[in-house]
Amino acid sequence: MGIGDFVDRAKKAVAGNEDKIAGAIDKAAGAVKGRTSEGTDRRIDQATAKAREYLEKQKGDAGAEPPARTAPPVRHPERTDPPAL
């Protein structure tokens, strides 16, 4: 089972549950913001906004066919560590 399989399973789990997930994101963000500084709060707000945008995109793409998978990337042979100086 590769990473693509996990992504597909996650997308299926999200489908139709976007509102529940958005509520959970907001609840988690509120809990974390209650324990962090204002600088961190801004970052949490940014991450929350991005997560909500992604959920909205997934909601819009729900009827669309998933993109075709591409061939896995070519792996390079193992590289050895450089010699110690």
C-alpha atoms as a PDB file:
ATOM      1  CA  MET A   1       0.000   0.000   0.000  1.00  0.00           C
ATOM      2  CA  GLY A   2       1.598   3.234  -1.161  1.00  0.00           C
ATOM      3  CA  ILE A   3       1.078   6.857  -0.201  1.00  0.00           C
ATOM      4  CA  GLY A   4      -1.403   7.264  -3.046  1.00  0.00           C
ATOM      5  CA  ASP A   5      -3.639   4.649  -1.469  1.00  0.00           C
ATOM      6  CA  PHE A   6      -3.622   6.538   1.826  1.00  0.00           C
ATOM      7  CA  VAL A   7      -4.440   9.784   0.037  1.00  0.00           C
ATOM      8  CA  ASP A   8      -7.356   8.130  -1.766  1.00  0.00           C
ATOM      9  CA  ARG A   9      -8.684   6.699   1.503  1.00  0.00           C
ATOM     10  CA  ALA A  10      -8.399  10.105   3.195  1.00  0.00           C
ATOM     11  CA  LYS A  11     -10.264  11.808   0.344  1.00  0.00           C
ATOM     12  CA  LYS A  12     -13.049   9.231   0.575  1.00  0.00           C
ATOM     13  CA  ALA A  13     -13.291   9.782   4.325  1.00  0.00           C
ATOM     14  CA  VAL A  14     -13.542  13.550   3.828  1.00  0.00           C
ATOM     15  CA  ALA A  15     -16.211  13.312   1.120  1.00  0.00           C
ATOM     16  CA  GLY A  16     -19.563  14.296   2.567  1.00  0.00           C
ATOM     17  CA  ASN A  17     -18.115  15.111   6.000  1.00  0.00           C
ATOM     18  CA  GLU A  18     -16.615  18.520   5.207  1.00  0.00           C
ATOM     19  CA  ASP A  19     -18.822  20.386   7.688  1.00  0.00           C
ATOM     20  CA  LYS A  20     -17.985  18.008  10.533  1.00  0.00           C
ATOM     21  CA  ILE A  21     -14.286  18.257   9.747  1.00  0.00           C
ATOM     22  CA  ALA A  22     -14.435  22.070   9.597  1.00  0.00           C
ATOM     23  CA  GLY A  23     -16.052  22.082  13.043  1.00  0.00           C
ATOM     24  CA  ALA A  24     -13.334  19.803  14.394  1.00  0.00           C
ATOM     25  CA  ILE A  25     -10.639  22.064  12.906  1.00  0.00           C
ATOM     26  CA  ASP A  26     -12.200  25.112  14.579  1.00  0.00           C
ATOM     27  CA  LYS A  27     -12.521  23.291  17.904  1.00  0.00           C
ATOM     28  CA  ALA A  28      -8.890  22.141  17.810  1.00  0.00           C
ATOM     29  CA  ALA A  29      -7.702  25.612  16.806  1.00  0.00           C
ATOM     30  CA  GLY A  30      -9.594  27.166  19.710  1.00  0.00           C
ATOM     31  CA  ALA A  31      -8.074  24.698  22.170  1.00  0.00           C
ATOM     32  CA  VAL A  32      -4.542  25.364  20.942  1.00  0.00           C
ATOM     33  CA  LYS A  33      -5.018  29.136  20.792  1.00  0.00           C
ATOM     34  CA  GLY A  34      -6.061  29.114  24.442  1.00  0.00           C
ATOM     35  CA  ARG A  35      -2.604  27.836  25.355  1.00  0.00           C
ATOM     36  CA  THR A  36      -0.346  29.806  23.020  1.00  0.00           C
ATOM     37  CA  SER A  37       0.884  33.363  22.414  1.00  0.00           C
ATOM     38  CA  GLU A  38      -0.629  35.846  19.971  1.00  0.00           C
ATOM     39  CA  GLY A  39       2.139  35.210  17.434  1.00  0.00           C
ATOM     40  CA  THR A  40       1.294  31.552  17.408  1.00  0.00           C
ATOM     41  CA  ASP A  41      -2.413  32.383  17.273  1.00  0.00           C
ATOM     42  CA  ARG A  42      -1.880  34.118  13.930  1.00  0.00           C
ATOM     43  CA  ARG A  43      -0.168  31.038  12.540  1.00  0.00           C
ATOM     44  CA  ILE A  44      -2.979  28.825  13.772  1.00  0.00           C
ATOM     45  CA  ASP A  45      -5.492  31.131  12.095  1.00  0.00           C
ATOM     46  CA  GLN A  46      -3.549  30.897   8.824  1.00  0.00           C
ATOM     47  CA  ALA A  47      -3.373  27.103   9.000  1.00  0.00           C
ATOM     48  CA  THR A  48      -7.062  26.900   9.849  1.00  0.00           C
ATOM     49  CA  ALA A  49      -7.942  29.125   6.895  1.00  0.00           C
ATOM     50  CA  LYS A  50      -5.881  26.952   4.547  1.00  0.00           C
ATOM     51  CA  ALA A  51      -7.486  23.789   5.880  1.00  0.00           C
ATOM     52  CA  ARG A  52     -10.964  25.272   5.367  1.00  0.00           C
ATOM     53  CA  GLU A  53     -10.036  26.349   1.809  1.00  0.00           C
ATOM     54  CA  TYR A  54      -8.893  22.804   1.088  1.00  0.00           C
ATOM     55  CA  LEU A  55     -12.151  21.397   2.450  1.00  0.00           C
ATOM     56  CA  GLU A  56     -14.163  23.772   0.271  1.00  0.00           C
ATOM     57  CA  LYS A  57     -12.107  22.713  -2.744  1.00  0.00           C
ATOM     58  CA  GLN A  58     -12.748  19.054  -1.928  1.00  0.00           C
ATOM     59  CA  LYS A  59     -16.448  19.765  -1.555  1.00  0.00           C
ATOM     60  CA  GLY A  60     -16.461  21.363  -5.018  1.00  0.00           C
ATOM     61  CA  ASP A  61     -14.467  18.490  -6.527  1.00  0.00           C
ATOM     62  CA  ALA A  62     -16.691  15.802  -4.994  1.00  0.00           C
ATOM     63  CA  GLY A  63     -18.491  15.145  -8.275  1.00  0.00           C
ATOM     64  CA  ALA A  64     -15.346  15.345 -10.363  1.00  0.00           C
ATOM     65  CA  GLU A  65     -13.387  12.293 -11.322  1.00  0.00           C
ATOM     66  CA  PRO A  66     -10.065  11.968  -9.448  1.00  0.00           C
ATOM     67  CA  PRO A  67      -6.966  12.723 -11.524  1.00  0.00           C
ATOM     68  CA  ALA A  68      -5.244   9.786 -13.156  1.00  0.00           C
ATOM     69  CA  ARG A  69      -2.249   8.468 -11.302  1.00  0.00           C
ATOM     70  CA  THR A  70       1.154   9.053 -12.772  1.00  0.00           C
ATOM     71  CA  ALA A  71       4.117   6.735 -12.660  1.00  0.00           C
ATOM     72  CA  PRO A  72       6.016   6.797  -9.359  1.00  0.00           C
ATOM     73  CA  PRO A  73       9.118   8.997  -9.297  1.00  0.00           C
ATOM     74  CA  VAL A  74      12.410   7.441 -10.277  1.00  0.00           C
ATOM     75  CA  ARG A  75      14.456   6.647  -7.219  1.00  0.00           C
ATOM     76  CA  HIS A  76      18.150   7.308  -7.203  1.00  0.00           C
ATOM     77  CA  PRO A  77      20.538   4.731  -5.774  1.00  0.00           C
ATOM     78  CA  GLU A  78      21.381   5.170  -2.138  1.00  0.00           C
ATOM     79  CA  ARG A  79      23.932   7.887  -1.610  1.00  0.00           C
ATOM     80  CA  THR A  80      26.678   7.331   0.879  1.00  0.00           C
ATOM     81  CA  ASP A  81      27.585   9.958   3.424  1.00  0.00           C
ATOM     82  CA  PRO A  82      30.609  12.065   2.552  1.00  0.00           C
ATOM     83  CA  PRO A  83      33.800  11.077   4.344  1.00  0.00           C
ATOM     84  CA  ALA A  84      34.436  12.808   7.666  1.00  0.00           C
ATOM     85  CA  LEU A  85      37.069  15.509   7.604  1.00  0.00           C
END
